[in-house]
C-alpha cells in the first residue's frame, strides 16, 4: 500500500496499538492533529480534569470547531473521520492543551499530550501557526540559543512528565520539532530515560552552540528527524546529518505539509538524497547565517519585522487583503527608513547574494550537486569572499 497518511489510516486504522507498535506515520499524524483547535474541548495543563477521548469530543456541542481551518480543512475533516472510524485512534485520549501567543515577547507556543494506550503518551509541540508573531519567533531562533518558547517547552515537558509517569514519545512539526528536541535534551536523566523516541517532522535545526554543549548527545540516538526532499524549514540550521529524506507529492514549500508525505506500508517512502532546490537553499541560507554575527542577524530580522508590523497585520494572509495595499505600505516603510537602516538592509542582501553566487559557481553552472548524498556536509564559504565585495 502506497499513498498518504489518509491511506495509512484506511489500511491500518482498525489495527489497535496493542497489535501494532506506534509508528513514524502515527507520530506525523498526531503532529498534524496538534494544529487543531483544542481550546474548547481539552483540559489545560493546570487542570485536574481527566483527559478526554476523541470520540467524546466529536459528540460535544460545536464539535466542528475542532477542525483545522484553512486550505486543507476538507482533508483535515477526512483525517478525523478516519481516525474515528477505526480502533487505532478511536480511543485516543487528549489532555494538557496549552497555548500562548504574546506579541510583546514575540512568542507563539502550543502543546498537547495524546495517550495512545495504558501508560503510553505522546507529547507534541505545535509548529508555527499562520501568525506573523510565530514567523518572527522562528527567525529569532537564528540569532539566539534561548527564546521564550524554549522555556515554555521545557516547563511543559517537565510538568506532564511529573503528572503522568508514563513511557513517552515526544515530537512536533516545523518549529514544534525543534522544541521537541530542545525540551528533551534539557530534561533531567530520570525523565530522559522515559523518552523512547523523539520525532522531528521537518523541524528547524539547532544552532551550533546548542549542538556542542553536550546535552544533545544524551538524546541523539532517540531522534528521528524526517524531512521531504525539497525541505526548506527542516534544513534551516541543519548541519549534522541527523535526518532522513522522505518523498512528498508537493512542490517546494508545499512539501512542508504532512498531508503531502508519501507512505509505503507502515513507514514513509525514503529518498536517497535531497532535491536540488533544497540543497541550494540550504547552502545559501545557512551560508549566509554563518557569514553574519548574531548582532547583524538580529538587526536585519528586527528591521524586516518592523516594516511588516507597520501594516497592522496579524496573519500572513492579511498581507494579501485589500488588493495588495499592505504591500504598498511595506514599500513606503522601506523608502522612509533612515540612511543607516537602508544601508544595513542593503548590506545583508548583498551578503546573501554573494553566498548564493559562490555556491552556484562551486556547484558548476548551477547543477546543484545532483550526486550529493544524505548527510553530506556543506561546502564552506570562505569568509574573505564577503570582505572582497
Protein backbone atom coordinates (compact mmCIF):
# COMPACT_ATOMS: atom_id res chain seq x y z
CA UNK A 1 0.00 0.00 0.00
CA UNK A 2 1.37 3.40 -1.00
CA UNK A 3 -0.28 6.77 -0.58
CA UNK A 4 -0.64 9.47 2.10
CA UNK A 5 -1.37 9.46 5.81
CA UNK A 6 -5.05 9.14 4.88
CA UNK A 7 -4.33 5.91 3.03
CA UNK A 8 -2.41 4.71 6.08
CA UNK A 9 -5.49 5.35 8.22
CA UNK A 10 -7.63 3.41 5.78
CA UNK A 11 -5.20 0.48 5.77
CA UNK A 12 -4.21 0.35 9.44
CA UNK A 13 -6.86 2.46 11.18
CA UNK A 14 -8.58 -0.61 12.58
CA UNK A 15 -5.36 -2.12 14.00
CA UNK A 16 -5.06 -1.13 17.69
CA UNK A 17 -1.74 -0.07 19.18
CA UNK A 18 -1.75 -3.28 21.22
CA UNK A 19 -1.35 -5.22 17.95
CA UNK A 20 0.94 -2.84 16.02
CA UNK A 21 3.51 -0.62 17.65
CA UNK A 22 3.47 3.17 17.41
CA UNK A 23 4.98 4.09 14.03
CA UNK A 24 6.59 7.16 12.49
CA UNK A 25 3.40 7.67 10.47
CA UNK A 26 1.34 7.69 13.69
CA UNK A 27 3.76 10.28 15.04
CA UNK A 28 3.31 12.50 11.97
CA UNK A 29 -0.50 12.14 12.05
CA UNK A 30 -0.62 13.36 15.64
CA UNK A 31 1.81 16.18 14.83
CA UNK A 32 -0.70 17.30 12.21
CA UNK A 33 -3.54 16.81 14.66
CA UNK A 34 -1.82 19.14 17.16
CA UNK A 35 -2.75 22.12 14.93
CA UNK A 36 -6.45 21.53 15.55
CA UNK A 37 -8.48 23.83 17.78
CA UNK A 38 -8.42 22.07 21.15
CA UNK A 39 -9.11 25.14 23.30
CA UNK A 40 -12.80 24.45 23.96
CA UNK A 41 -12.56 20.69 24.25
CA UNK A 42 -9.40 19.57 26.07
CA UNK A 43 -8.38 20.14 29.74
CA UNK A 44 -5.49 22.57 30.03
CA UNK A 45 -2.09 21.91 31.56
CA UNK A 46 -3.07 23.03 35.06
CA UNK A 47 -6.44 21.30 35.11
CA UNK A 48 -7.25 18.43 37.48
CA UNK A 49 -9.81 17.17 34.98
CA UNK A 50 -9.00 13.84 33.30
CA UNK A 51 -8.13 13.50 29.64
CA UNK A 52 -10.95 13.43 27.11
CA UNK A 53 -11.37 10.92 24.29
CA UNK A 54 -11.52 11.95 20.65
CA UNK A 55 -14.86 10.13 20.37
CA UNK A 56 -16.35 12.19 23.18
CA UNK A 57 -15.07 15.44 21.72
CA UNK A 58 -16.91 14.74 18.50
CA UNK A 59 -20.15 14.30 20.47
CA UNK A 60 -19.78 17.74 22.08
CA UNK A 61 -21.68 20.82 21.01
CA UNK A 62 -19.90 22.73 18.26
CA UNK A 63 -17.53 19.81 17.71
CA UNK A 64 -16.94 21.01 14.15
CA UNK A 65 -14.92 23.89 15.63
CA UNK A 66 -12.19 21.39 16.48
CA UNK A 67 -11.21 21.08 12.83
CA UNK A 68 -8.19 22.87 11.45
CA UNK A 69 -9.31 25.80 9.32
CA UNK A 70 -7.86 26.89 6.01
CA UNK A 71 -6.95 25.47 2.63
CA UNK A 72 -6.80 21.88 3.86
CA UNK A 73 -9.91 21.91 6.04
CA UNK A 74 -11.65 19.24 3.94
CA UNK A 75 -8.61 16.96 4.24
CA UNK A 76 -8.49 17.62 7.99
CA UNK A 77 -12.11 16.61 8.29
CA UNK A 78 -11.43 13.41 6.39
CA UNK A 79 -8.48 12.62 8.64
CA UNK A 80 -10.59 12.94 11.79
CA UNK A 81 -13.36 10.82 10.27
CA UNK A 82 -10.86 8.07 9.50
CA UNK A 83 -9.35 8.32 12.99
CA UNK A 84 -12.82 7.86 14.49
CA UNK A 85 -13.71 5.02 12.19
CA UNK A 86 -11.06 2.52 13.36
CA UNK A 87 -9.91 1.09 16.66
CA UNK A 88 -6.41 2.56 16.42
CA UNK A 89 -7.34 6.18 17.19
CA UNK A 90 -10.97 5.85 18.22
CA UNK A 91 -10.00 5.62 21.89
CA UNK A 92 -7.26 8.25 21.66
CA UNK A 93 -7.30 10.40 24.78
CA UNK A 94 -6.14 14.01 24.84
CA UNK A 95 -5.04 16.21 27.74
CA UNK A 96 -2.94 19.16 28.87
CA UNK A 97 -3.54 21.50 25.97
CA UNK A 98 -1.78 24.82 26.37
CA UNK A 99 -1.44 27.80 24.08
CA UNK A 100 0.25 31.18 24.31
CA UNK A 101 0.55 34.00 21.79
CA UNK A 102 2.35 37.04 23.14
CA UNK A 103 3.09 39.92 20.82
CA UNK A 104 5.38 41.69 23.29
CA UNK A 105 7.78 38.77 23.76
CA UNK A 106 7.19 37.58 20.16
CA UNK A 107 6.13 34.15 21.32
CA UNK A 108 3.70 31.68 19.74
CA UNK A 109 3.54 28.37 21.57
CA UNK A 110 1.15 25.45 21.86
CA UNK A 111 1.43 21.85 23.04
CA UNK A 112 -0.83 18.90 23.71
CA UNK A 113 -0.46 15.36 25.07
CA UNK A 114 -2.00 12.28 23.46
CA UNK A 115 -2.48 8.92 25.20
CA UNK A 116 -2.27 6.02 22.76
CA UNK A 117 -2.63 3.28 25.36
CA UNK A 118 -2.19 2.38 29.02
CA UNK A 119 0.85 4.18 30.40
CA UNK A 120 1.99 5.44 27.00
CA UNK A 121 1.82 9.06 25.91
CA UNK A 122 2.98 11.23 23.04
CA UNK A 123 3.85 14.84 23.89
CA UNK A 124 3.50 17.05 20.81
CA UNK A 125 4.65 20.63 20.33
CA UNK A 126 2.76 22.60 17.70
CA UNK A 127 4.72 24.29 14.93
CA UNK A 128 4.37 27.82 13.65
CA UNK A 129 0.80 28.91 13.01
CA UNK A 130 -0.29 31.50 10.46
CA UNK A 131 0.51 34.46 12.72
CA UNK A 132 3.28 36.94 11.91
CA UNK A 133 4.40 36.65 15.54
CA UNK A 134 5.02 32.96 15.04
CA UNK A 135 7.03 33.64 11.89
CA UNK A 136 9.10 36.31 13.66
CA UNK A 137 9.80 33.90 16.51
CA UNK A 138 11.11 31.33 14.01
CA UNK A 139 13.61 33.82 12.68
CA UNK A 140 14.58 34.91 16.19
CA UNK A 141 15.90 31.37 16.67
CA UNK A 142 18.56 32.14 14.07
CA UNK A 143 20.40 34.55 16.35
CA UNK A 144 19.70 33.29 19.86
CA UNK A 145 20.23 30.00 21.68
CA UNK A 146 17.42 30.78 24.07
CA UNK A 147 13.93 32.14 23.41
CA UNK A 148 10.72 32.27 25.42
CA UNK A 149 9.28 29.31 23.52
CA UNK A 150 12.18 27.22 24.83
CA UNK A 151 11.17 27.99 28.42
CA UNK A 152 7.57 27.06 27.68
CA UNK A 153 8.60 23.78 26.05
CA UNK A 154 10.90 22.71 28.88
CA UNK A 155 8.30 23.60 31.52
CA UNK A 156 5.55 21.79 29.61
CA UNK A 157 7.51 18.55 29.21
CA UNK A 158 8.59 18.57 32.86
CA UNK A 159 5.04 19.20 34.04
CA UNK A 160 3.36 16.45 32.01
CA UNK A 161 6.19 14.04 32.89
CA UNK A 162 5.51 14.54 36.59
CA UNK A 163 1.77 14.43 36.10
CA UNK A 164 1.81 11.17 34.15
CA UNK A 165 4.68 8.74 34.90
CA UNK A 166 4.29 7.00 31.54
CA UNK A 167 6.60 5.84 28.78
CA UNK A 168 6.92 8.80 26.42
CA UNK A 169 7.28 9.76 22.82
CA UNK A 170 7.99 13.44 22.12
CA UNK A 171 7.58 15.19 18.79
CA UNK A 172 6.47 18.09 16.68
CA UNK A 173 6.28 19.52 13.18
CA UNK A 174 8.27 22.54 11.97
CA UNK A 175 9.19 24.70 14.98
CA UNK A 176 7.45 22.06 17.09
CA UNK A 177 10.10 19.54 16.05
CA UNK A 178 12.80 21.96 17.14
CA UNK A 179 11.09 22.40 20.51
CA UNK A 180 10.69 18.64 20.95
CA UNK A 181 14.44 18.19 20.58
CA UNK A 182 15.30 21.21 22.74
CA UNK A 183 12.94 20.25 25.57
CA UNK A 184 14.07 16.60 25.57
CA UNK A 185 17.77 17.47 25.74
CA UNK A 186 17.09 19.76 28.70
CA UNK A 187 15.30 17.17 30.83
CA UNK A 188 16.91 15.54 33.87
CA UNK A 189 18.16 11.96 33.26
CA UNK A 190 15.19 10.35 35.03
CA UNK A 191 12.80 11.94 32.51
CA UNK A 192 15.09 11.37 29.51
CA UNK A 193 15.19 7.67 30.38
CA UNK A 194 11.42 7.50 29.92
CA UNK A 195 11.56 9.06 26.44
CA UNK A 196 11.52 6.27 23.88
CA UNK A 197 11.74 8.35 20.69
CA UNK A 198 11.77 11.98 19.58
CA UNK A 199 10.14 12.80 16.24
CA UNK A 200 11.05 16.00 14.40
CA UNK A 201 8.87 16.31 11.30
CA UNK A 202 10.67 18.80 9.05
CA UNK A 203 11.73 20.63 12.18
CA UNK A 204 14.06 23.61 12.40
CA UNK A 205 17.60 22.60 13.39
CA UNK A 206 19.68 23.69 16.39
CA UNK A 207 22.28 26.42 16.49
CA UNK A 208 25.89 25.16 16.75
CA UNK A 209 26.20 26.27 20.37
CA UNK A 210 23.27 24.06 21.37
CA UNK A 211 24.72 21.11 19.47
CA UNK A 212 28.09 21.42 21.15
CA UNK A 213 27.19 21.87 24.82
CA UNK A 214 26.91 18.11 25.45
CA UNK A 215 23.18 17.96 26.14
CA UNK A 216 22.31 16.86 22.62
CA UNK A 217 24.44 13.72 22.98
CA UNK A 218 22.12 12.44 25.70
CA UNK A 219 19.16 12.21 23.29
CA UNK A 220 20.90 11.91 19.93
CA UNK A 221 20.16 8.20 19.45
CA UNK A 222 16.46 8.74 20.17
CA UNK A 223 15.98 11.39 17.49
CA UNK A 224 14.09 10.58 14.28
CA UNK A 225 14.13 13.62 12.02
CA UNK A 226 12.18 13.33 8.76
CA UNK A 227 12.40 15.93 6.00
CA UNK A 228 10.85 15.98 2.50
CA UNK A 229 13.26 16.08 -0.43
CA UNK A 230 12.68 19.79 -1.10
CA UNK A 231 12.76 20.72 2.57
CA UNK A 232 13.31 24.39 3.36
CA UNK A 233 12.29 24.73 7.02
CA UNK A 234 13.86 21.47 8.14
CA UNK A 235 17.20 22.39 6.55
CA UNK A 236 17.43 25.73 8.35
CA UNK A 237 20.35 25.44 10.80
CA UNK A 238 20.69 21.77 9.83
CA UNK A 239 24.32 20.70 9.52
CA UNK A 240 24.72 17.43 11.37
CA UNK A 241 23.10 14.85 9.10
CA UNK A 242 20.58 13.72 11.73
CA UNK A 243 17.75 13.32 9.27
CA UNK A 244 16.21 11.00 6.70
CA UNK A 245 14.81 12.26 3.42
CA UNK A 246 11.28 11.21 2.53
CA UNK A 247 9.15 11.54 -0.58
CA UNK A 248 6.45 14.19 -0.98
CA UNK A 249 3.90 14.73 -3.72
CA UNK A 250 4.03 18.50 -3.23
CA UNK A 251 6.20 21.17 -4.81
CA UNK A 252 8.69 23.35 -2.97
CA UNK A 253 7.28 24.81 0.28
CA UNK A 254 4.08 22.75 -0.05
CA UNK A 255 6.19 19.72 0.87
CA UNK A 256 6.31 21.10 4.42
CA UNK A 257 2.68 19.99 4.75
CA UNK A 258 2.46 16.47 6.20
CA UNK A 259 -0.59 15.72 4.04
CA UNK A 260 1.73 15.54 1.02
CA UNK A 261 4.14 12.99 2.55
CA UNK A 262 4.15 9.62 0.82
CA UNK A 263 3.60 6.41 2.78
CA UNK A 264 4.51 2.85 1.89
CA UNK A 265 3.01 0.38 4.33
CA UNK A 266 3.88 1.43 7.89
CA UNK A 267 6.55 4.00 7.06
CA UNK A 268 7.27 6.95 4.82
CA UNK A 269 8.97 6.35 1.50
CA UNK A 270 12.68 7.20 1.69
CA UNK A 271 14.67 9.16 -0.88
CA UNK A 272 18.44 8.76 -1.20
CA UNK A 273 19.16 12.46 -1.47
CA UNK A 274 17.74 15.94 -1.15
CA UNK A 275 16.29 17.70 -4.17
CA UNK A 276 18.39 20.32 -5.94
CA UNK A 277 16.26 23.23 -4.68
CA UNK A 278 16.62 22.18 -1.06
CA UNK A 279 20.38 21.79 -1.38
CA UNK A 280 20.75 25.22 -2.97
CA UNK A 281 18.55 26.95 -0.39
CA UNK A 282 20.25 25.08 2.45
CA UNK A 283 23.67 26.11 1.14
CA UNK A 284 22.65 29.69 0.50
CA UNK A 285 20.61 30.37 3.61
CA UNK A 286 22.84 28.57 6.10
CA UNK A 287 25.89 30.01 4.35
CA UNK A 288 24.52 33.50 4.93
CA UNK A 289 23.78 32.68 8.58
CA UNK A 290 27.38 31.54 9.03
CA UNK A 291 28.69 34.72 7.40
CA UNK A 292 26.89 37.06 9.82
CA UNK A 293 27.34 37.56 13.54
CA UNK A 294 24.34 37.38 15.86
CA UNK A 295 24.02 41.15 16.12
CA UNK A 296 23.78 41.59 12.34
CA UNK A 297 21.23 38.77 12.07
CA UNK A 298 19.15 40.38 14.82
CA UNK A 299 19.28 43.85 13.25
CA UNK A 300 18.22 42.51 9.88
CA UNK A 301 15.38 40.33 11.19
CA UNK A 302 14.07 43.03 13.53
CA UNK A 303 14.25 45.57 10.72
CA UNK A 304 12.23 43.43 8.32
CA UNK A 305 9.67 42.63 11.00
CA UNK A 306 9.22 46.28 12.00
CA UNK A 307 8.44 47.13 8.37
CA UNK A 308 5.85 44.35 8.09
CA UNK A 309 4.47 45.23 11.53
CA UNK A 310 3.61 48.70 10.22
CA UNK A 311 0.87 47.01 8.17
CA UNK A 312 -1.00 46.07 11.37
CA UNK A 313 -1.35 42.54 10.03
CA UNK A 314 -1.88 39.64 12.42
CA UNK A 315 -1.52 36.82 9.91
CA UNK A 316 0.42 36.26 6.71
CA UNK A 317 -2.87 36.09 4.82
CA UNK A 318 -3.67 39.64 5.98
CA UNK A 319 -0.89 40.95 3.76
CA UNK A 320 -2.82 39.73 0.72
CA UNK A 321 -6.03 41.56 1.58
CA UNK A 322 -7.27 44.90 0.25
CA UNK A 323 -5.84 44.40 -3.20
CA UNK A 324 -2.22 44.48 -2.08
CA UNK A 325 -2.47 47.81 -0.23
CA UNK A 326 -0.47 46.42 2.67
CA UNK A 327 2.41 45.66 0.33
CA UNK A 328 2.38 49.33 -0.68
CA UNK A 329 2.73 50.20 2.99
CA UNK A 330 5.79 47.94 3.18
CA UNK A 331 7.34 49.64 0.15
CA UNK A 332 6.72 53.07 1.67
CA UNK A 333 8.17 51.98 5.01
CA UNK A 334 11.38 50.92 3.27
CA UNK A 335 11.55 54.27 1.49
CA UNK A 336 11.11 56.10 4.80
CA UNK A 337 13.93 54.24 6.56
CA UNK A 338 16.85 56.38 7.67
CA UNK A 339 20.03 56.07 5.61
CA UNK A 340 21.80 53.84 8.15
CA UNK A 341 18.91 51.35 8.24
CA UNK A 342 18.67 51.25 4.46
CA UNK A 343 22.39 50.56 4.23
CA UNK A 344 22.08 47.72 6.75
CA UNK A 345 19.36 46.08 4.68
CA UNK A 346 21.37 46.54 1.51
CA UNK A 347 24.49 45.03 3.09
CA UNK A 348 22.59 41.93 4.23
CA UNK A 349 21.00 41.38 0.82
CA UNK A 350 24.44 41.90 -0.71
CA UNK A 351 25.98 39.27 1.60
CA UNK A 352 23.16 36.85 0.79
CA UNK A 353 23.75 37.38 -2.95
CA UNK A 354 27.49 36.78 -2.56
CA UNK A 355 26.82 33.47 -0.81
CA UNK A 356 24.32 32.40 -3.48
CA UNK A 357 26.72 33.23 -6.31
CA UNK A 358 29.56 31.42 -4.57
CA UNK A 359 27.58 28.19 -4.28
CA UNK A 360 26.26 28.42 -7.82
CA UNK A 361 29.85 28.74 -9.02
CA UNK A 362 31.09 25.97 -6.71
CA UNK A 363 28.33 23.64 -7.88
CA UNK A 364 29.38 24.08 -11.51
CA UNK A 365 26.94 26.03 -13.58
CA UNK A 366 24.01 25.74 -11.19
CA UNK A 367 23.93 21.92 -11.32
CA UNK A 368 23.35 21.84 -7.57
CA UNK A 369 25.26 18.72 -6.59
CA UNK A 370 22.96 16.17 -8.17
CA UNK A 371 25.01 13.36 -6.69
CA UNK A 372 25.05 14.71 -3.14
CA UNK A 373 24.19 12.04 -0.56
CA UNK A 374 22.10 12.44 2.56
CA UNK A 375 24.14 13.82 5.42
CA UNK A 376 26.96 15.20 3.29
CA UNK A 377 28.47 18.38 4.67
CA UNK A 378 28.08 21.78 3.09
CA UNK A 379 30.91 23.41 1.17
CA UNK A 380 32.19 26.18 3.46
CA UNK A 381 32.09 29.72 2.22
CA UNK A 382 35.49 31.43 2.65
CA UNK A 383 34.81 34.50 4.77
CA UNK A 384 37.23 36.54 2.65
CA UNK A 385 34.73 36.29 -0.18
CA UNK A 386 32.46 38.62 1.72
CA UNK A 387 35.21 41.00 2.59
CA UNK A 388 36.18 41.37 -1.06
CA UNK A 389 32.73 42.51 -2.10
